[in-house]
């Protein structure tokens, strides 16, 4: 019963908040209000810029090796205290990321070749 009352009241509160925003919100639109705010600077070009796909590929490779370093640092610090199966897991993790690197090399993501 308490859960049902909570769900009904929270739903009514959310709906009332949305309706209040429409009722009490400002209605007058102008050219200045519809423009994008860029820290007070005037716009000099369109905001929709096209980027080459290779930058996306470099970002993915950065995330690949950043993840590797992020997880290998704590392992390297406590290497002497780790059980043997954890060493195997880290080797497996590294191999999986190296397979990702080999895939990137195979697909020629690392250069303009």
N, C-alpha and C. Protein backbone atom coordinates (compact mmCIF):
# COMPACT_ATOMS: atom_id res chain seq x y z
N UNK A 1 0.82 -1.19 0.00
CA UNK A 1 0.00 0.00 0.00
C UNK A 1 0.87 1.26 0.00
N UNK A 2 1.94 1.24 0.84
CA UNK A 2 2.82 2.40 0.90
C UNK A 2 3.56 2.62 -0.43
N UNK A 3 3.94 1.52 -1.04
CA UNK A 3 4.63 1.62 -2.32
C UNK A 3 3.70 2.20 -3.39
N UNK A 4 2.46 1.80 -3.40
CA UNK A 4 1.50 2.32 -4.37
C UNK A 4 1.27 3.81 -4.17
N UNK A 5 1.14 4.24 -2.91
CA UNK A 5 0.96 5.66 -2.61
C UNK A 5 2.20 6.45 -3.06
N UNK A 6 3.39 5.90 -2.81
CA UNK A 6 4.63 6.56 -3.20
C UNK A 6 4.71 6.71 -4.72
N UNK A 7 4.37 5.68 -5.46
CA UNK A 7 4.42 5.73 -6.92
C UNK A 7 3.43 6.76 -7.46
N UNK A 8 2.22 6.77 -6.92
CA UNK A 8 1.19 7.71 -7.39
C UNK A 8 1.61 9.15 -7.08
N UNK A 9 2.08 9.41 -5.87
CA UNK A 9 2.47 10.77 -5.50
C UNK A 9 3.69 11.24 -6.29
N UNK A 10 4.66 10.37 -6.52
CA UNK A 10 5.84 10.79 -7.28
C UNK A 10 5.49 11.03 -8.75
N UNK A 11 4.58 10.26 -9.30
CA UNK A 11 4.13 10.49 -10.66
C UNK A 11 3.36 11.80 -10.76
N UNK A 12 2.49 12.06 -9.81
CA UNK A 12 1.76 13.33 -9.81
C UNK A 12 2.70 14.52 -9.65
N UNK A 13 3.72 14.39 -8.82
CA UNK A 13 4.68 15.48 -8.65
C UNK A 13 5.43 15.75 -9.95
N UNK A 14 5.85 14.68 -10.65
CA UNK A 14 6.58 14.85 -11.91
C UNK A 14 5.69 15.52 -12.96
N UNK A 15 4.46 15.07 -13.07
CA UNK A 15 3.53 15.65 -14.05
C UNK A 15 3.23 17.10 -13.69
N UNK A 16 3.04 17.40 -12.40
CA UNK A 16 2.76 18.77 -11.97
C UNK A 16 3.95 19.68 -12.26
N UNK A 17 5.16 19.18 -12.12
CA UNK A 17 6.35 19.98 -12.41
C UNK A 17 6.43 20.32 -13.89
N UNK A 18 6.14 19.36 -14.74
CA UNK A 18 6.17 19.61 -16.19
C UNK A 18 5.09 20.60 -16.58
N UNK A 19 3.90 20.45 -16.05
CA UNK A 19 2.81 21.37 -16.37
C UNK A 19 3.13 22.77 -15.86
N UNK A 20 3.71 22.88 -14.66
CA UNK A 20 4.06 24.19 -14.12
C UNK A 20 5.11 24.87 -15.00
N UNK A 21 6.04 24.11 -15.55
CA UNK A 21 7.02 24.69 -16.45
C UNK A 21 6.39 25.27 -17.70
N UNK A 22 5.38 24.59 -18.25
CA UNK A 22 4.69 25.11 -19.42
C UNK A 22 3.82 26.31 -19.08
N UNK A 23 3.18 26.29 -17.94
CA UNK A 23 2.26 27.38 -17.57
C UNK A 23 3.03 28.65 -17.20
N UNK A 24 4.06 28.53 -16.38
CA UNK A 24 4.74 29.70 -15.84
C UNK A 24 6.01 30.07 -16.61
N UNK A 25 6.36 29.33 -17.63
CA UNK A 25 7.56 29.62 -18.41
C UNK A 25 7.37 30.82 -19.32
N UNK A 26 8.50 31.40 -19.73
CA UNK A 26 8.45 32.54 -20.63
C UNK A 26 8.01 32.09 -22.01
N UNK A 27 7.15 32.89 -22.62
CA UNK A 27 6.59 32.53 -23.91
C UNK A 27 7.18 33.32 -25.07
N UNK A 28 7.78 34.48 -24.80
CA UNK A 28 8.23 35.34 -25.90
C UNK A 28 9.59 34.86 -26.42
N UNK A 29 9.57 34.46 -27.67
CA UNK A 29 10.80 34.02 -28.35
C UNK A 29 11.33 35.17 -29.18
N UNK A 30 12.63 35.29 -29.24
CA UNK A 30 13.24 36.30 -30.08
C UNK A 30 14.45 35.68 -30.77
N UNK A 31 15.00 36.41 -31.70
CA UNK A 31 16.17 35.92 -32.44
C UNK A 31 17.36 35.73 -31.50
N UNK A 32 17.54 36.65 -30.59
CA UNK A 32 18.67 36.58 -29.67
C UNK A 32 18.57 35.37 -28.73
N UNK A 33 17.36 35.07 -28.28
CA UNK A 33 17.19 33.95 -27.36
C UNK A 33 17.35 32.60 -28.06
N UNK A 34 17.10 32.55 -29.34
CA UNK A 34 17.20 31.28 -30.04
C UNK A 34 18.62 30.98 -30.52
N UNK A 35 19.53 31.94 -30.38
CA UNK A 35 20.91 31.73 -30.82
C UNK A 35 21.70 30.95 -29.77
N UNK A 36 22.72 30.24 -30.24
CA UNK A 36 23.58 29.47 -29.35
C UNK A 36 24.49 30.42 -28.60
N UNK A 37 24.64 30.19 -27.30
CA UNK A 37 25.48 31.05 -26.48
C UNK A 37 26.89 30.47 -26.43
N UNK A 38 27.86 31.21 -26.91
CA UNK A 38 29.25 30.77 -26.93
C UNK A 38 30.11 31.73 -26.11
N UNK A 39 29.86 31.83 -24.83
CA UNK A 39 30.68 32.64 -23.92
C UNK A 39 30.77 34.10 -24.35
N UNK A 40 29.73 34.61 -24.96
CA UNK A 40 29.71 36.00 -25.37
C UNK A 40 30.35 36.27 -26.71
N UNK A 41 30.95 35.26 -27.32
CA UNK A 41 31.61 35.45 -28.62
C UNK A 41 30.58 35.30 -29.74
N UNK A 42 30.80 36.00 -30.82
CA UNK A 42 29.96 35.85 -31.99
C UNK A 42 30.31 34.55 -32.70
N UNK A 43 29.30 33.90 -33.24
CA UNK A 43 29.53 32.67 -33.99
C UNK A 43 30.26 32.97 -35.29
N UNK A 44 31.20 32.12 -35.66
CA UNK A 44 31.94 32.35 -36.88
C UNK A 44 31.77 31.24 -37.91
N UNK A 45 31.12 30.12 -37.51
CA UNK A 45 30.86 29.05 -38.47
C UNK A 45 29.73 28.19 -37.95
N UNK A 46 29.36 27.20 -38.74
CA UNK A 46 28.31 26.27 -38.36
C UNK A 46 28.84 25.34 -37.27
N UNK A 47 27.98 24.95 -36.35
CA UNK A 47 28.40 24.08 -35.26
C UNK A 47 28.56 22.63 -35.69
N UNK A 48 28.01 22.26 -36.82
CA UNK A 48 28.09 20.89 -37.30
C UNK A 48 29.33 20.73 -38.16
N UNK A 49 30.41 20.28 -37.55
CA UNK A 49 31.65 20.06 -38.27
C UNK A 49 31.81 18.59 -38.57
N UNK A 50 32.40 18.28 -39.70
CA UNK A 50 32.65 16.89 -40.06
C UNK A 50 34.08 16.55 -39.70
N UNK A 51 34.23 15.41 -39.01
CA UNK A 51 35.55 14.91 -38.66
C UNK A 51 35.82 13.63 -39.42
N UNK A 52 37.08 13.41 -39.71
CA UNK A 52 37.47 12.21 -40.40
C UNK A 52 37.33 11.01 -39.46
N UNK A 53 37.02 9.86 -40.02
CA UNK A 53 36.79 8.66 -39.22
C UNK A 53 38.05 8.22 -38.50
N UNK A 54 39.21 8.53 -39.04
CA UNK A 54 40.46 8.08 -38.41
C UNK A 54 40.63 8.67 -37.02
N UNK A 55 40.08 9.84 -36.74
CA UNK A 55 40.17 10.40 -35.40
C UNK A 55 39.36 9.56 -34.42
N UNK A 56 38.24 9.05 -34.87
CA UNK A 56 37.45 8.15 -34.03
C UNK A 56 38.23 6.87 -33.76
N UNK A 57 38.91 6.36 -34.77
CA UNK A 57 39.71 5.16 -34.60
C UNK A 57 40.84 5.40 -33.60
N UNK A 58 41.50 6.56 -33.69
CA UNK A 58 42.56 6.87 -32.73
C UNK A 58 42.00 6.97 -31.31
N UNK A 59 40.82 7.50 -31.18
CA UNK A 59 40.19 7.60 -29.86
C UNK A 59 39.90 6.21 -29.29
N UNK A 60 39.43 5.30 -30.15
CA UNK A 60 39.18 3.93 -29.68
C UNK A 60 40.47 3.24 -29.27
N UNK A 61 41.53 3.45 -30.04
CA UNK A 61 42.81 2.85 -29.68
C UNK A 61 43.36 3.45 -28.39
N UNK A 62 43.16 4.75 -28.20
CA UNK A 62 43.57 5.37 -26.95
C UNK A 62 42.83 4.74 -25.77
N UNK A 63 41.53 4.54 -25.92
CA UNK A 63 40.76 3.91 -24.85
C UNK A 63 41.23 2.48 -24.60
N UNK A 64 41.60 1.78 -25.64
CA UNK A 64 42.10 0.42 -25.50
C UNK A 64 43.33 0.38 -24.62
N UNK A 65 44.32 1.22 -24.91
CA UNK A 65 45.56 1.19 -24.15
C UNK A 65 45.45 1.94 -22.84
N UNK A 66 44.57 2.90 -22.74
CA UNK A 66 44.34 3.56 -21.47
C UNK A 66 43.71 2.58 -20.49
N UNK A 67 42.79 1.77 -20.95
CA UNK A 67 42.20 0.72 -20.12
C UNK A 67 43.26 -0.28 -19.68
N UNK A 68 44.14 -0.63 -20.58
CA UNK A 68 45.20 -1.56 -20.25
C UNK A 68 46.08 -0.99 -19.14
N UNK A 69 46.50 0.25 -19.27
CA UNK A 69 47.37 0.83 -18.24
C UNK A 69 46.61 1.05 -16.93
N UNK A 70 45.34 1.37 -17.02
CA UNK A 70 44.54 1.59 -15.82
C UNK A 70 44.42 0.31 -14.99
N UNK A 71 44.27 -0.83 -15.65
CA UNK A 71 44.13 -2.08 -14.92
C UNK A 71 45.46 -2.75 -14.60
N UNK A 72 46.50 -2.44 -15.34
CA UNK A 72 47.79 -3.07 -15.07
C UNK A 72 48.57 -2.38 -13.96
N UNK A 73 48.32 -1.12 -13.71
CA UNK A 73 49.08 -0.42 -12.66
C UNK A 73 48.85 -1.03 -11.27
N UNK A 74 47.60 -1.25 -10.83
CA UNK A 74 47.44 -1.88 -9.52
C UNK A 74 48.01 -3.30 -9.48
N UNK A 75 47.95 -3.99 -10.60
CA UNK A 75 48.53 -5.33 -10.65
C UNK A 75 50.04 -5.27 -10.47
N UNK A 76 50.69 -4.30 -11.11
CA UNK A 76 52.14 -4.18 -11.02
C UNK A 76 52.58 -3.79 -9.61
N UNK A 77 51.77 -3.02 -8.93
CA UNK A 77 52.12 -2.58 -7.58
C UNK A 77 52.08 -3.74 -6.59
N UNK A 78 51.10 -4.63 -6.73
CA UNK A 78 50.92 -5.74 -5.78
C UNK A 78 51.22 -7.09 -6.41
N UNK A 79 52.18 -7.12 -7.34
CA UNK A 79 52.48 -8.35 -8.07
C UNK A 79 52.96 -9.47 -7.15
N UNK A 80 53.79 -9.17 -6.16
CA UNK A 80 54.36 -10.21 -5.29
C UNK A 80 53.31 -10.85 -4.38
N UNK A 81 52.21 -10.19 -4.12
CA UNK A 81 51.19 -10.70 -3.21
C UNK A 81 50.04 -11.40 -3.93
N UNK A 82 50.09 -11.45 -5.25
CA UNK A 82 48.98 -12.01 -6.04
C UNK A 82 49.09 -13.53 -6.15
N UNK A 83 47.94 -14.22 -6.10
CA UNK A 83 47.95 -15.66 -6.40
C UNK A 83 48.22 -15.89 -7.89
N UNK A 84 48.58 -17.11 -8.23
CA UNK A 84 48.98 -17.43 -9.59
C UNK A 84 47.84 -17.28 -10.59
N UNK A 85 46.60 -17.58 -10.19
CA UNK A 85 45.48 -17.49 -11.14
C UNK A 85 45.22 -16.04 -11.55
N UNK A 86 45.53 -15.08 -10.69
CA UNK A 86 45.34 -13.67 -11.05
C UNK A 86 46.36 -13.27 -12.11
N UNK A 87 47.56 -13.82 -12.02
CA UNK A 87 48.56 -13.54 -13.04
C UNK A 87 48.07 -14.07 -14.39
N UNK A 88 47.46 -15.24 -14.39
CA UNK A 88 46.90 -15.79 -15.62
C UNK A 88 45.77 -14.93 -16.16
N UNK A 89 44.95 -14.39 -15.28
CA UNK A 89 43.85 -13.51 -15.71
C UNK A 89 44.38 -12.23 -16.34
N UNK A 90 45.44 -11.68 -15.77
CA UNK A 90 46.03 -10.46 -16.33
C UNK A 90 46.66 -10.75 -17.68
N UNK A 91 47.29 -11.90 -17.80
CA UNK A 91 47.86 -12.27 -19.10
C UNK A 91 46.74 -12.44 -20.13
N UNK A 92 45.64 -13.05 -19.75
CA UNK A 92 44.50 -13.20 -20.65
C UNK A 92 43.93 -11.84 -21.05
N UNK A 93 43.82 -10.94 -20.10
CA UNK A 93 43.32 -9.59 -20.37
C UNK A 93 44.23 -8.86 -21.35
N UNK A 94 45.53 -8.98 -21.16
CA UNK A 94 46.49 -8.35 -22.05
C UNK A 94 46.43 -8.95 -23.45
N UNK A 95 46.27 -10.26 -23.52
CA UNK A 95 46.16 -10.92 -24.83
C UNK A 95 44.91 -10.45 -25.57
N UNK A 96 43.80 -10.30 -24.85
CA UNK A 96 42.56 -9.82 -25.49
C UNK A 96 42.76 -8.41 -26.05
N UNK A 97 43.43 -7.54 -25.29
CA UNK A 97 43.68 -6.19 -25.79
C UNK A 97 44.68 -6.18 -26.94
N UNK A 98 45.65 -7.09 -26.92
CA UNK A 98 46.58 -7.19 -28.04
C UNK A 98 45.90 -7.71 -29.30
N UNK A 99 44.89 -8.56 -29.15
CA UNK A 99 44.10 -8.98 -30.30
C UNK A 99 43.39 -7.77 -30.90
N UNK A 100 42.92 -6.87 -30.04
CA UNK A 100 42.32 -5.62 -30.53
C UNK A 100 43.32 -4.78 -31.30
N UNK A 101 44.56 -4.74 -30.82
CA UNK A 101 45.61 -4.00 -31.54
C UNK A 101 45.90 -4.66 -32.88
N UNK A 102 45.99 -5.97 -32.90
CA UNK A 102 46.24 -6.67 -34.16
C UNK A 102 45.10 -6.45 -35.16
N UNK A 103 43.89 -6.40 -34.67
CA UNK A 103 42.75 -6.09 -35.53
C UNK A 103 42.88 -4.69 -36.11
N UNK A 104 43.30 -3.74 -35.27
CA UNK A 104 43.47 -2.37 -35.75
C UNK A 104 44.57 -2.30 -36.79
N UNK A 105 45.63 -3.05 -36.60
CA UNK A 105 46.71 -3.07 -37.59
C UNK A 105 46.22 -3.71 -38.89
N UNK A 106 45.46 -4.79 -38.77
CA UNK A 106 44.94 -5.48 -39.94
C UNK A 106 44.00 -4.58 -40.74
N UNK A 107 43.18 -3.80 -40.06
CA UNK A 107 42.25 -2.90 -40.74
C UNK A 107 42.88 -1.57 -41.14
N UNK A 108 44.18 -1.43 -40.92
CA UNK A 108 44.95 -0.23 -41.27
C UNK A 108 44.40 1.02 -40.62
N UNK A 109 44.11 0.93 -39.32
CA UNK A 109 43.59 2.08 -38.60
C UNK A 109 44.71 2.99 -38.09
N UNK A 110 45.93 2.54 -38.13
CA UNK A 110 47.01 3.29 -37.49
C UNK A 110 47.77 4.21 -38.42
N UNK A 111 47.42 4.27 -39.64
CA UNK A 111 48.15 5.14 -40.55
C UNK A 111 47.33 5.46 -41.77
N UNK A 112 47.94 6.19 -42.67
CA UNK A 112 47.26 6.60 -43.89
C UNK A 112 47.47 5.62 -45.03
N UNK A 113 48.04 4.46 -44.76
CA UNK A 113 48.33 3.48 -45.81
C UNK A 113 47.06 2.96 -46.43
